[in-house]
Protein backbone atom coordinates (compact mmCIF):
# COMPACT_ATOMS: atom_id res chain seq x y z
CA MET A 1 29.06 94.34 -21.36
CA THR A 2 31.21 93.10 -18.51
CA ILE A 3 34.54 91.51 -19.31
CA ILE A 4 36.09 89.35 -16.65
CA ALA A 5 39.79 88.65 -16.75
CA TYR A 6 41.54 86.30 -14.39
CA VAL A 7 45.27 85.94 -14.72
CA LEU A 8 46.26 82.45 -13.69
CA PRO A 9 49.50 81.95 -11.84
CA LYS A 10 52.00 79.52 -13.31
CA ILE A 11 50.90 75.94 -12.77
CA GLU A 12 53.99 75.31 -10.64
CA THR A 13 52.81 77.92 -8.13
CA PHE A 14 49.06 77.24 -8.39
CA THR A 15 47.70 76.93 -4.84
CA ALA A 16 44.58 75.50 -3.26
CA GLU A 17 43.35 79.08 -2.77
CA ASP A 18 43.88 79.79 -6.49
CA ARG A 19 41.82 76.67 -7.27
CA ARG A 20 39.06 77.75 -4.88
CA GLU A 21 38.90 81.21 -6.49
CA LEU A 22 38.75 79.65 -9.94
CA VAL A 23 35.86 77.37 -8.93
CA GLU A 24 34.03 80.41 -7.53
CA GLY A 25 34.78 82.24 -10.78
CA VAL A 26 33.21 79.48 -12.87
CA VAL A 27 30.05 79.73 -10.77
CA TYR A 28 30.05 83.49 -11.29
CA LEU A 29 30.57 83.15 -15.06
CA ALA A 30 27.66 80.72 -15.28
CA GLY A 31 25.38 83.16 -13.52
CA GLY A 32 25.18 81.26 -10.24
CA VAL A 33 24.94 77.81 -8.77
CA GLU A 34 21.63 76.82 -10.41
CA PRO A 35 22.57 77.86 -13.97
CA LEU A 36 25.93 76.06 -13.71
CA ALA A 37 24.29 72.92 -12.35
CA ASN A 38 21.72 72.94 -15.16
CA GLU A 39 24.38 73.52 -17.82
CA LEU A 40 26.59 70.68 -16.60
CA GLY A 41 23.80 68.23 -15.75
CA VAL A 42 24.53 68.04 -12.03
CA THR A 43 22.58 69.12 -8.96
CA ALA A 44 22.89 72.51 -7.35
CA ASP A 45 23.98 70.76 -4.15
CA GLU A 46 26.91 69.21 -6.02
CA VAL A 47 28.01 72.63 -7.24
CA ARG A 48 27.69 74.02 -3.69
CA THR A 49 29.92 71.17 -2.51
CA TRP A 50 32.53 72.09 -5.14
CA VAL A 51 32.57 75.67 -3.89
CA ALA A 52 32.76 74.58 -0.23
CA GLN A 53 35.62 72.13 -0.82
CA GLY A 54 37.38 74.35 -3.36
CA TRP A 55 37.69 71.77 -6.15
CA VAL A 56 35.61 69.84 -8.69
CA PRO A 57 35.55 66.04 -9.13
CA PRO A 58 37.52 64.89 -12.20
CA THR A 59 34.60 63.93 -14.46
CA ASP A 60 32.84 67.20 -13.69
CA ALA A 61 36.08 69.14 -14.15
CA ILE A 62 36.23 67.79 -17.69
CA ARG A 63 32.69 69.14 -18.25
CA VAL A 64 33.78 72.53 -16.86
CA GLU A 65 36.68 72.54 -19.31
CA ALA A 66 34.37 71.77 -22.24
CA ALA A 67 31.89 74.48 -21.27
CA TYR A 68 34.29 77.24 -20.16
CA SER A 69 37.68 76.43 -21.69
CA ILE A 70 39.26 76.30 -18.24
CA ARG A 71 41.80 73.49 -17.98
CA SER A 72 40.26 70.69 -15.94
CA GLU A 73 43.43 70.08 -13.95
CA LEU A 74 43.15 73.62 -12.57
CA VAL A 75 39.74 73.09 -10.95
CA ALA A 76 39.99 69.39 -10.05
CA TYR A 77 41.62 68.02 -6.94
CA PRO A 78 45.36 67.89 -7.71
CA GLY A 79 46.32 64.84 -9.75
CA GLU A 80 42.79 63.50 -10.10
CA VAL A 81 42.16 64.46 -13.73
CA GLU A 82 45.34 62.79 -14.89
CA ALA A 83 44.47 59.61 -12.99
CA GLN A 84 40.92 59.60 -14.36
CA THR A 85 42.12 60.13 -17.93
CA VAL A 86 44.63 57.27 -17.71
CA LYS A 87 42.07 54.97 -16.10
CA GLY A 88 39.47 55.80 -18.79
CA ALA A 89 41.96 55.05 -21.57
CA GLU A 90 42.33 51.41 -20.55
């Protein structure tokens, strides 16, 4: 059994590189691009785009949070999850 631990920096010091590494970590935890895409109901090309850009779109970040218990605001483009949540509440 392999146990993966990733210690997140404080949110105040969370950088774009931290976000990129976390997105890559989610892909790794899922077993690769294809398994993650299948689990979240998106295409493999979308997941590859997330890895390349280093962040996940807000609606998909919410799916990542539900599947992996990783706070959506940590993998989404900064500020986008909050904006999406407020917009969806209207």
